[in-house]
Protein backbone atom coordinates (compact mmCIF):
# COMPACT_ATOMS: atom_id res chain seq x y z
CA MET A 1 -44.34 -174.48 220.58
CA LYS A 2 -44.02 -172.72 217.24
CA LYS A 3 -46.80 -170.63 218.19
CA ILE A 4 -45.47 -169.44 221.41
CA PHE A 5 -42.23 -168.65 219.53
CA ALA A 6 -43.83 -166.45 216.99
CA LEU A 7 -45.98 -165.10 219.66
CA SER A 8 -42.80 -163.79 221.63
CA ILE A 9 -41.35 -162.51 218.47
CA LEU A 10 -44.07 -160.55 217.61
CA THR A 11 -44.85 -159.12 221.08
CA SER A 12 -40.87 -158.37 221.12
CA MET A 13 -41.37 -156.40 217.92
CA ILE A 14 -44.18 -154.53 219.13
CA LEU A 15 -42.19 -153.58 222.48
CA PHE A 16 -39.17 -152.42 220.54
CA SER A 17 -40.79 -150.63 217.72
CA GLY A 18 -42.81 -148.24 220.26
CA CYS A 19 -39.47 -147.38 221.83
CA ASN A 20 -38.47 -145.76 218.58
CA LYS A 21 -41.68 -144.04 217.37
CA ASN A 22 -40.38 -140.34 217.68
CA VAL A 23 -37.23 -141.09 216.07
CA VAL A 24 -37.19 -138.95 212.81
CA PHE A 25 -33.64 -139.57 211.50
CA ASP A 26 -31.17 -142.31 212.81
CA LYS A 27 -28.12 -142.88 210.36
CA SER A 28 -24.58 -143.64 210.86
CA GLN A 29 -21.40 -143.82 208.58
CA LYS A 30 -18.73 -146.54 209.06
CA ILE A 31 -15.00 -145.13 209.28
CA GLU A 32 -13.13 -147.07 207.00
CA ASP A 33 -10.12 -149.38 208.98
CA TYR A 34 -11.39 -147.80 211.98
CA ILE A 35 -9.18 -144.66 211.66
CA TRP A 36 -10.98 -141.39 211.03
CA ASN A 37 -8.97 -139.00 209.07
CA LYS A 38 -9.33 -135.20 209.62
CA GLN A 39 -9.95 -134.71 205.83
CA LYS A 40 -13.12 -137.47 206.01
CA ILE A 41 -15.83 -135.11 206.61
CA ILE A 42 -19.22 -137.41 207.68
CA GLU A 43 -22.28 -136.03 205.86
CA PHE A 44 -25.98 -136.44 206.34
CA ASP A 45 -28.89 -134.67 204.66
CA PHE A 46 -32.14 -134.39 206.57
CA ASP A 47 -35.46 -133.15 205.15
CA VAL A 48 -37.53 -131.26 207.52
CA ASN A 49 -41.34 -130.80 207.13
CA ASP A 50 -42.06 -130.00 210.91
CA THR A 51 -40.80 -126.37 211.99
CA ILE A 52 -43.15 -126.40 215.20
CA SER A 53 -41.96 -129.59 217.36
CA THR A 54 -38.50 -129.49 219.17
CA HIS A 55 -36.03 -132.16 218.84
CA LEU A 56 -33.28 -134.00 220.71
CA ILE A 57 -30.41 -134.32 218.53
CA SER A 58 -27.78 -137.07 219.53
CA PHE A 59 -24.44 -138.13 218.22
CA GLU A 60 -24.06 -141.94 217.86
CA ILE A 61 -20.66 -143.33 218.29
CA ARG A 62 -19.25 -146.71 217.77
CA HIS A 63 -15.51 -147.48 219.15
CA ALA A 64 -13.44 -150.20 219.94
CA THR A 65 -11.94 -150.61 223.13
CA HIS A 66 -8.21 -149.41 222.00
CA PHE A 67 -9.84 -146.11 221.92
CA MET A 68 -7.55 -144.19 224.17
CA TYR A 69 -9.01 -140.66 225.22
CA ASP A 70 -11.79 -139.62 227.40
CA ASN A 71 -13.56 -137.57 224.71
CA LEU A 72 -13.84 -137.35 220.99
CA LEU A 73 -13.75 -133.69 219.66
CA VAL A 74 -15.86 -132.90 216.94
CA GLU A 75 -17.06 -130.06 214.75
CA LEU A 76 -20.81 -129.99 213.62
CA ILE A 77 -21.89 -127.72 210.75
CA ILE A 78 -25.36 -127.57 210.11
CA LEU A 79 -26.45 -125.99 206.44
CA THR A 80 -30.09 -124.85 206.39
CA PRO A 81 -32.16 -124.76 203.50
CA SER A 82 -31.61 -121.00 202.50
CA ALA A 83 -27.84 -121.54 203.02
CA ASP A 84 -27.27 -120.35 206.67
CA THR A 85 -24.55 -122.15 208.40
CA PHE A 86 -24.11 -122.91 211.98
CA SER A 87 -21.13 -124.27 213.33
CA GLN A 88 -20.29 -125.56 216.88
CA ASP A 89 -17.34 -127.46 218.54
CA ILE A 90 -18.58 -130.25 220.59
CA THR A 91 -17.04 -132.48 223.08
CA LEU A 92 -18.21 -135.97 223.41
CA PRO A 93 -17.77 -137.66 226.65
CA ILE A 94 -16.66 -141.20 225.84
CA ARG A 95 -15.34 -142.21 229.18
CA ASP A 96 -16.60 -141.74 232.73
CA LYS A 97 -14.88 -139.78 235.68
CA GLU A 98 -13.24 -143.28 236.85
CA HIS A 99 -12.01 -143.65 232.89
CA GLU A 100 -14.17 -146.50 232.14
CA PHE A 101 -16.23 -146.31 228.68
CA LYS A 102 -19.82 -145.11 228.67
CA GLY A 103 -22.59 -146.49 226.62
CA LYS A 104 -22.98 -150.48 226.10
CA GLY A 105 -19.99 -152.80 225.21
CA ALA A 106 -19.97 -156.16 223.58
CA GLY A 107 -16.47 -157.99 223.49
CA ASP A 108 -14.36 -154.94 222.29
CA ILE A 109 -17.16 -153.06 220.71
CA TRP A 110 -18.53 -149.95 222.28
CA ASP A 111 -21.60 -148.17 221.51
CA ILE A 112 -22.70 -144.71 222.85
CA SER A 113 -25.57 -142.31 222.17
CA ILE A 114 -24.47 -138.75 223.43
CA PRO A 115 -27.31 -136.07 223.71
CA VAL A 116 -25.72 -132.71 222.23
CA PHE A 117 -29.23 -130.50 221.53
CA TYR A 118 -32.21 -130.32 223.58
CA ASP A 119 -35.42 -128.65 222.59
CA PHE A 120 -33.58 -128.02 219.06
CA ASN A 121 -36.37 -126.37 216.44
CA PHE A 122 -35.75 -126.38 212.87
CA PRO A 123 -36.57 -122.96 211.91
CA GLU A 124 -37.41 -123.81 208.22
CA LYS A 125 -38.91 -126.64 205.91
CA GLY A 126 -36.46 -128.10 203.35
CA LYS A 127 -33.42 -130.19 203.26
CA TYR A 128 -30.71 -129.61 206.14
CA LYS A 129 -27.26 -130.90 205.65
CA PHE A 130 -25.18 -131.93 208.81
CA GLN A 131 -21.44 -132.33 208.59
CA ILE A 132 -19.33 -133.85 211.14
CA LYS A 133 -15.62 -133.08 211.14
CA ASN A 134 -12.98 -134.84 213.28
CA ALA A 135 -11.53 -132.16 215.67
CA MET A 136 -9.15 -134.33 217.63
CA PRO A 137 -5.94 -132.63 217.51
CA GLU A 138 -3.96 -135.79 215.61
CA ALA A 139 -4.40 -136.19 211.75
CA LYS A 140 -5.68 -139.79 212.52
CA THR A 141 -8.26 -140.92 215.24
CA VAL A 142 -7.75 -144.67 215.91
CA ALA A 143 -10.72 -146.94 217.03
CA ILE A 144 -13.71 -145.20 215.72
CA MET A 145 -15.85 -147.69 213.98
CA ALA A 146 -19.04 -145.19 213.15
CA VAL A 147 -20.29 -141.69 213.59
CA GLY A 148 -23.85 -140.99 213.38
CA ILE A 149 -26.82 -138.93 214.29
CA LYS A 150 -30.03 -139.49 215.78
CA ILE A 151 -32.89 -137.00 215.76
CA LYS A 152 -35.91 -137.49 217.83
CA LYS A 153 -39.27 -135.46 218.08
CA GLU A 154 -39.67 -134.38 221.76
CA VAL A 155 -42.93 -135.27 223.26
CA LYS A 156 -43.97 -132.60 225.95
CA ASN A 157 -46.38 -133.89 228.77
CA ASN A 158 -48.76 -131.35 230.16
């Protein structure tokens, strides 16, 4: 019985590790008291060595069921190793057309992965800084538990 249990755990680990083999960055920051103040800028540093591959960049959002909006408005700022700055306002859809939460829910916690940039190419090697600003109209956005970024190397099938 112990051998079967150990074998099933090992098989699960192999299967799930294969799903993330192209993920090159995946980090989130927890939001204190689940209230994201506009002054709180979320930052991540990411080292780039590959300027040839394209990447999929996604936002990873964890929120509570009392998040009252259909969308989360953010500003993404990317600082390159040579100090160039790229900025873009992004609308992250949290609910679908029927006003139901997107993503996966467990109890009153919801996780959603939202792709925002496909075929993204990092133009130079070195350290990039990602800054995420709360762009919602209010000074505080309630029920946001964590905000993150996932970067996945895209694999092209010929």
